[in-house]
């Protein structure tokens, strides 16, 4: 028996052993996936069971055929080279698929276990997109490796792909900016669902949705304000809900000249202290701020537990101030001017 015939015989024997080893590994893998603790390890083992089985087969067959190609007589065989190339390509694709499975398991686990407990739908929208992009990237790299193995010049292919990617990036730069900004919002969390924010334009509303491309705010007029995420990340927003929903109310108030300010401040302090919604810590305060054109101006400052009660509490305080001032004889003046007319010289008034 010649050396070549002996190697061919060994090839068949090795191939048979590889099939047996793959079957044994498949059974072992199945047992490991059954007894593995629940969570990511179990999911990876279950998802990769068949790909690992086929990977062992194909990698084994590829290595066996590589042994035959070292002989000059067999190395020139187009058929063996083609079969070896097919096994190489299949090996690269299977390894790429296994890599994708690992990423896919992590992403699906996060979407199932973590995403429902977060306060934004941003991750639920972003992660499926990331999953698709990873799939394209992994198999693009696999195709590049396979073409390089067959000595295909991929320089032009990569240059074309780069130019196409650049063109797409320019065409969709606004969309990409919103996507990146959405990811930034998810990481930085300047606001959460339900938070009340004030926009630079002065509009105030509650955050009802944080999407991949835009953020939606429900205004007090019950209208939805849609803002691109790229604008949100650049804008200076005021978040009334963070770090706590506590809210400070400042109310300017004017009383007539000649009023007893000590008495006025005492009345205001009594009104604030008797209201159950006004916090005692920090204590409410009343300041005499300026001499106005028509009034002595004061500033009432107090805190409430929740910004959502702002208008109700302001109404209660103002109604009580009006009642007490009327009963105590404290005047709230309206703007007025004294006009003095000077007659021309030589004429009587």
Protein backbone atom coordinates (compact mmCIF):
# COMPACT_ATOMS: atom_id res chain seq x y z
CA UNK A 1 0.00 0.00 0.00
CA UNK A 2 1.42 3.36 -1.05
CA UNK A 3 1.76 6.33 1.28
CA UNK A 4 -1.07 8.17 -0.47
CA UNK A 5 -3.38 5.17 -0.12
CA UNK A 6 -2.46 4.91 3.54
CA UNK A 7 -3.29 8.61 4.11
CA UNK A 8 -6.60 8.23 2.30
CA UNK A 9 -7.42 5.27 4.55
CA UNK A 10 -6.45 7.29 7.61
CA UNK A 11 -8.64 10.11 6.31
CA UNK A 12 -11.69 7.86 6.34
CA UNK A 13 -10.79 6.55 9.80
CA UNK A 14 -10.27 10.08 11.16
CA UNK A 15 -13.53 11.21 9.62
CA UNK A 16 -15.36 8.34 11.31
CA UNK A 17 -13.75 9.22 14.65
CA UNK A 18 -14.69 12.88 14.19
CA UNK A 19 -18.34 11.92 13.67
CA UNK A 20 -18.28 9.81 16.86
CA UNK A 21 -16.56 12.62 18.81
CA UNK A 22 -19.15 15.11 17.56
CA UNK A 23 -22.00 12.82 18.67
CA UNK A 24 -20.46 12.39 22.12
CA UNK A 25 -19.94 16.15 22.41
CA UNK A 26 -23.56 16.74 21.39
CA UNK A 27 -24.80 14.46 24.20
CA UNK A 28 -22.45 16.07 26.71
CA UNK A 29 -23.54 19.54 25.60
CA UNK A 30 -27.20 18.58 25.99
CA UNK A 31 -26.59 17.38 29.56
CA UNK A 32 -24.66 20.55 30.40
CA UNK A 33 -27.45 22.75 29.05
CA UNK A 34 -30.03 20.77 31.05
CA UNK A 35 -28.18 20.99 34.37
CA UNK A 36 -26.72 24.46 33.91
CA UNK A 37 -28.05 27.17 36.23
CA UNK A 38 -30.79 29.27 34.74
CA UNK A 39 -29.74 32.50 33.15
CA UNK A 40 -27.23 33.46 30.50
CA UNK A 41 -25.03 30.29 30.75
CA UNK A 42 -28.04 28.02 30.24
CA UNK A 43 -29.32 30.11 27.33
CA UNK A 44 -25.92 30.10 25.61
CA UNK A 45 -25.54 26.33 26.01
CA UNK A 46 -29.03 25.64 24.65
CA UNK A 47 -28.72 28.05 21.74
CA UNK A 48 -25.25 26.88 20.68
CA UNK A 49 -25.81 23.10 20.95
CA UNK A 50 -26.29 22.33 17.23
CA UNK A 51 -23.86 25.01 15.93
CA UNK A 52 -21.13 23.56 18.17
CA UNK A 53 -21.91 20.06 16.89
CA UNK A 54 -21.61 21.13 13.25
CA UNK A 55 -18.53 23.21 14.03
CA UNK A 56 -16.71 20.16 15.43
CA UNK A 57 -17.64 18.13 12.34
CA UNK A 58 -16.62 20.75 9.80
CA UNK A 59 -13.41 21.83 11.57
CA UNK A 60 -12.42 18.19 11.92
CA UNK A 61 -13.10 17.45 8.25
CA UNK A 62 -11.20 20.56 7.23
CA UNK A 63 -8.12 19.52 9.23
CA UNK A 64 -8.30 16.01 7.79
CA UNK A 65 -8.41 17.24 4.21
CA UNK A 66 -5.54 19.60 4.91
CA UNK A 67 -3.42 16.49 5.67
CA UNK A 68 -4.06 15.19 2.15
CA UNK A 69 -3.13 18.46 0.44
CA UNK A 70 0.47 18.24 1.68
CA UNK A 71 1.13 15.52 -0.89
CA UNK A 72 2.14 16.98 -4.28
CA UNK A 73 0.02 14.45 -6.19
CA UNK A 74 -3.12 15.32 -4.19
CA UNK A 75 -2.30 19.00 -3.67
CA UNK A 76 -2.86 19.62 -7.37
CA UNK A 77 -6.34 18.11 -7.25
CA UNK A 78 -8.91 20.84 -7.94
CA UNK A 79 -11.62 18.75 -6.31
CA UNK A 80 -9.76 18.40 -3.00
CA UNK A 81 -8.89 22.10 -2.98
CA UNK A 82 -12.52 22.96 -3.62
CA UNK A 83 -13.70 20.66 -0.80
CA UNK A 84 -11.08 22.11 1.55
CA UNK A 85 -12.21 25.63 0.64
CA UNK A 86 -15.83 24.72 1.29
CA UNK A 87 -14.93 23.35 4.73
CA UNK A 88 -12.88 26.48 5.49
CA UNK A 89 -15.75 28.75 4.50
CA UNK A 90 -18.21 26.71 6.54
CA UNK A 91 -15.85 26.85 9.55
CA UNK A 92 -15.59 30.65 9.38
CA UNK A 93 -19.37 31.01 8.99
CA UNK A 94 -20.09 28.70 11.91
CA UNK A 95 -17.63 30.49 14.20
CA UNK A 96 -19.24 33.79 13.17
CA UNK A 97 -22.66 32.34 13.87
CA UNK A 98 -21.55 31.17 17.33
CA UNK A 99 -20.22 34.66 18.04
CA UNK A 100 -23.54 36.16 16.99
CA UNK A 101 -25.43 33.65 19.19
CA UNK A 102 -23.53 34.84 22.27
CA UNK A 103 -24.37 38.50 21.56
CA UNK A 104 -27.96 37.60 20.67
CA UNK A 105 -28.44 35.70 23.94
CA UNK A 106 -27.17 38.66 25.98
CA UNK A 107 -29.43 41.12 24.12
CA UNK A 108 -32.54 38.91 24.35
CA UNK A 109 -31.89 38.23 28.03
CA UNK A 110 -31.62 41.97 28.71
CA UNK A 111 -34.82 42.69 26.72
CA UNK A 112 -36.71 40.00 28.63
CA UNK A 113 -35.38 40.49 32.17
CA UNK A 114 -34.06 44.05 32.49
CA UNK A 115 -35.78 46.25 29.89
CA UNK A 116 -39.34 45.84 31.29
CA UNK A 117 -38.10 47.16 34.65
CA UNK A 118 -36.44 50.29 33.26
CA UNK A 119 -38.24 53.60 33.16
CA UNK A 120 -37.73 54.15 29.44
CA UNK A 121 -38.52 52.26 26.23
CA UNK A 122 -35.28 53.49 24.72
CA UNK A 123 -33.36 50.27 25.40
CA UNK A 124 -36.25 48.20 23.99
CA UNK A 125 -35.95 50.14 20.73
CA UNK A 126 -32.18 50.48 20.60
CA UNK A 127 -31.12 46.91 21.39
CA UNK A 128 -33.00 45.22 18.48
CA UNK A 129 -31.32 47.72 16.15
CA UNK A 130 -27.95 46.96 17.75
CA UNK A 131 -28.67 43.24 17.31
CA UNK A 132 -29.22 43.68 13.57
CA UNK A 133 -26.13 45.85 13.18
CA UNK A 134 -24.00 43.25 15.01
CA UNK A 135 -25.32 40.52 12.72
CA UNK A 136 -24.38 42.53 9.62
CA UNK A 137 -20.95 43.41 11.03
CA UNK A 138 -20.07 39.85 12.10
CA UNK A 139 -21.02 38.28 8.78
CA UNK A 140 -19.35 41.10 6.84
CA UNK A 141 -16.11 40.28 8.66
CA UNK A 142 -16.68 36.56 7.93
CA UNK A 143 -17.16 37.26 4.20
CA UNK A 144 -13.97 39.34 4.17
CA UNK A 145 -11.98 36.49 5.77
CA UNK A 146 -13.36 33.93 3.29
CA UNK A 147 -12.60 36.11 0.27
CA UNK A 148 -9.08 36.71 1.57
CA UNK A 149 -8.59 32.94 1.91
CA UNK A 150 -9.46 32.46 -1.76
CA UNK A 151 -7.02 35.30 -2.62
CA UNK A 152 -9.77 37.56 -3.86
CA UNK A 153 -8.67 41.20 -3.91
CA UNK A 154 -11.01 42.83 -1.42
CA UNK A 155 -9.36 46.25 -1.38
CA UNK A 156 -11.78 47.62 -3.94
CA UNK A 157 -14.67 45.94 -2.15
CA UNK A 158 -13.71 47.52 1.17
CA UNK A 159 -13.20 50.92 -0.48
CA UNK A 160 -16.64 50.68 -2.08
CA UNK A 161 -18.19 49.66 1.23
CA UNK A 162 -16.46 52.57 2.97
CA UNK A 163 -17.68 55.09 0.39
CA UNK A 164 -21.20 53.66 0.56
CA UNK A 165 -21.14 53.87 4.36
CA UNK A 166 -19.96 57.47 4.18
CA UNK A 167 -22.73 58.34 1.73
CA UNK A 168 -25.34 56.73 3.95
CA UNK A 169 -23.93 58.55 6.98
CA UNK A 170 -24.19 61.92 5.22
CA UNK A 171 -27.69 61.19 3.94
CA UNK A 172 -28.94 60.08 7.35
CA UNK A 173 -26.84 62.30 9.60
CA UNK A 174 -29.91 63.74 11.33
CA UNK A 175 -31.28 60.26 12.01
CA UNK A 176 -27.89 59.04 13.23
CA UNK A 177 -27.54 62.10 15.47
CA UNK A 178 -30.94 61.35 17.01
CA UNK A 179 -30.02 57.68 17.51
CA UNK A 180 -26.75 58.54 19.23
CA UNK A 181 -28.49 61.19 21.34
CA UNK A 182 -31.14 58.65 22.31
CA UNK A 183 -28.41 56.31 23.50
CA UNK A 184 -26.87 59.22 25.45
CA UNK A 185 -30.21 59.93 27.14
CA UNK A 186 -30.51 56.26 28.09
CA UNK A 187 -27.05 56.31 29.71
CA UNK A 188 -27.11 59.80 31.27
CA UNK A 189 -30.82 59.80 32.31
CA UNK A 190 -31.36 63.58 32.58
CA UNK A 191 -35.07 62.79 33.00
CA UNK A 192 -37.33 59.76 33.33
CA UNK A 193 -40.84 58.86 32.28
CA UNK A 194 -43.32 60.94 34.25
CA UNK A 195 -40.85 63.72 35.09
CA UNK A 196 -42.06 67.28 34.64
CA UNK A 197 -39.65 69.39 32.60
CA UNK A 198 -39.51 72.95 31.33
CA UNK A 199 -38.24 73.54 27.79
CA UNK A 200 -36.03 76.49 26.77
CA UNK A 201 -39.12 77.95 25.04
CA UNK A 202 -40.85 78.10 28.43
CA UNK A 203 -43.31 75.26 27.82
CA UNK A 204 -43.81 72.87 30.73
CA UNK A 205 -45.01 69.29 30.49
CA UNK A 206 -44.59 65.69 31.60
CA UNK A 207 -42.31 63.23 29.78
CA UNK A 208 -44.54 60.46 28.40
CA UNK A 209 -42.16 58.68 26.02
CA UNK A 210 -38.41 58.48 25.43
CA UNK A 211 -37.93 56.91 22.01
CA UNK A 212 -34.97 56.07 19.84
CA UNK A 213 -35.39 59.15 17.65
CA UNK A 214 -37.48 61.58 19.71
CA UNK A 215 -38.82 62.45 23.16
CA UNK A 216 -42.52 63.18 23.68
CA UNK A 217 -43.75 65.65 26.31
CA UNK A 218 -47.40 66.12 27.31
CA UNK A 219 -48.07 69.84 27.86
CA UNK A 220 -50.63 71.34 30.23
CA UNK A 221 -52.87 71.94 27.19
CA UNK A 222 -52.90 68.16 26.70
CA UNK A 223 -50.86 68.44 23.51
CA UNK A 224 -47.90 66.21 22.70
CA UNK A 225 -44.65 68.07 22.06
CA UNK A 226 -42.28 65.92 19.96
CA UNK A 227 -38.61 66.91 20.26
CA UNK A 228 -35.76 65.21 18.34
CA UNK A 229 -33.30 63.63 20.74
CA UNK A 230 -30.41 65.59 19.25
CA UNK A 231 -32.19 68.80 20.28
CA UNK A 232 -32.94 67.42 23.75
CA UNK A 233 -29.28 66.68 24.49
CA UNK A 234 -28.26 70.20 23.45
CA UNK A 235 -31.06 72.05 25.24
CA UNK A 236 -30.97 73.34 28.81
CA UNK A 237 -33.98 71.67 30.43
CA UNK A 238 -35.33 72.22 33.92
CA UNK A 239 -36.39 68.98 35.61
CA UNK A 240 -38.89 69.68 38.39
CA UNK A 241 -38.98 66.02 39.46
CA UNK A 242 -35.27 65.51 40.06
CA UNK A 243 -33.79 64.93 42.58
CA UNK A 244 -37.09 65.19 44.52
CA UNK A 245 -40.60 66.44 43.62
CA UNK A 246 -40.36 69.15 46.30
CA UNK A 247 -41.09 72.59 44.89
CA UNK A 248 -40.37 76.16 46.02
CA UNK A 249 -43.08 78.76 45.43
CA UNK A 250 -42.26 82.47 45.26
CA UNK A 251 -45.22 84.86 45.34
CA UNK A 252 -44.70 88.63 45.02
CA UNK A 253 -47.21 90.77 46.90
CA UNK A 254 -47.69 94.55 47.27
CA UNK A 255 -49.45 96.47 50.08
CA UNK A 256 -50.34 100.12 50.25
CA UNK A 257 -47.93 102.74 51.55
CA UNK A 258 -48.66 103.39 55.23
CA UNK A 259 -49.42 99.73 55.97
CA UNK A 260 -48.00 98.21 59.16
CA UNK A 261 -45.44 95.80 57.66
CA UNK A 262 -44.92 93.91 60.92
CA UNK A 263 -48.64 93.23 61.05
CA UNK A 264 -48.70 92.24 57.35
CA UNK A 265 -45.79 89.83 57.75
CA UNK A 266 -47.40 88.32 60.87
CA UNK A 267 -50.66 87.72 58.97
CA UNK A 268 -48.82 86.08 56.08
CA UNK A 269 -46.77 83.85 58.41
CA UNK A 270 -49.97 82.72 60.15
CA UNK A 271 -51.59 81.87 56.82
CA UNK A 272 -48.56 79.84 55.71
CA UNK A 273 -48.15 78.00 59.02
CA UNK A 274 -51.81 76.96 59.12
CA UNK A 275 -51.85 75.49 55.64
CA UNK A 276 -51.15 71.72 55.95
CA UNK A 277 -49.55 71.53 52.49
CA UNK A 278 -46.87 74.11 53.27
CA UNK A 279 -43.70 72.48 54.62
CA UNK A 280 -42.17 73.61 57.90
CA UNK A 281 -38.70 72.46 56.88
CA UNK A 282 -37.42 74.68 55.39
CA UNK A 283 -39.71 77.19 57.10
CA UNK A 284 -41.81 79.64 55.02
CA UNK A 285 -40.47 83.19 54.91
CA UNK A 286 -41.74 86.66 54.02
CA UNK A 287 -39.32 89.35 52.82
CA UNK A 288 -39.83 93.08 52.33
CA UNK A 289 -38.02 93.51 49.01
CA UNK A 290 -38.51 97.06 47.71
CA UNK A 291 -40.36 100.36 47.70
CA UNK A 292 -42.44 100.18 44.55
CA UNK A 293 -44.05 103.00 42.59
CA UNK A 294 -47.46 102.32 44.11
CA UNK A 295 -46.85 99.76 46.83
CA UNK A 296 -44.53 98.28 49.41
CA UNK A 297 -43.43 95.04 47.77
CA UNK A 298 -42.96 91.76 49.64
CA UNK A 299 -41.91 88.28 48.55
CA UNK A 300 -43.52 85.14 50.03
CA UNK A 301 -41.33 82.02 49.85
CA UNK A 302 -42.44 78.55 50.89
CA UNK A 303 -41.95 74.89 49.95
CA UNK A 304 -44.50 72.20 49.08
CA UNK A 305 -44.07 68.42 48.96
CA UNK A 306 -44.99 67.89 45.30
CA UNK A 307 -44.82 70.21 42.30
CA UNK A 308 -48.10 68.71 41.01
CA UNK A 309 -49.98 70.49 43.83
CA UNK A 310 -48.53 73.90 42.91
CA UNK A 311 -51.64 75.58 41.48
CA UNK A 312 -54.02 74.16 44.10
CA UNK A 313 -51.88 75.39 47.00
CA UNK A 314 -51.22 78.81 45.43
CA UNK A 315 -54.98 79.21 45.03
CA UNK A 316 -55.60 78.29 48.67
CA UNK A 317 -52.92 80.67 49.96
CA UNK A 318 -54.04 83.58 47.77
CA UNK A 319 -57.70 83.12 48.70
CA UNK A 320 -56.80 83.17 52.40
CA UNK A 321 -54.59 86.26 51.95
CA UNK A 322 -57.45 88.10 50.27
CA UNK A 323 -59.85 87.13 53.06
CA UNK A 324 -57.49 88.06 55.91
CA UNK A 325 -56.38 91.34 54.34
CA UNK A 326 -60.04 92.36 53.88
CA UNK A 327 -60.90 91.55 57.50
CA UNK A 328 -57.72 93.19 58.89
CA UNK A 329 -58.02 96.32 56.76
CA UNK A 330 -54.80 95.75 54.80
CA UNK A 331 -55.02 97.38 51.36
CA UNK A 332 -53.56 95.87 48.18
CA UNK A 333 -53.21 98.96 45.95
CA UNK A 334 -53.69 99.16 42.21
CA UNK A 335 -51.12 101.09 40.14
CA UNK A 336 -51.74 104.84 40.25
CA UNK A 337 -50.05 108.10 39.26
CA UNK A 338 -50.40 111.64 40.65
CA UNK A 339 -50.48 114.16 37.79
CA UNK A 340 -49.67 117.80 38.51
CA UNK A 341 -50.57 120.32 35.77
CA UNK A 342 -48.50 123.49 35.84
CA UNK A 343 -50.27 126.40 34.13
CA UNK A 344 -48.36 128.66 31.69
CA UNK A 345 -46.82 131.84 33.11
CA UNK A 346 -49.14 134.82 33.28
CA UNK A 347 -52.30 132.74 33.53
CA UNK A 348 -54.27 131.91 36.60
CA UNK A 349 -54.81 128.27 37.51
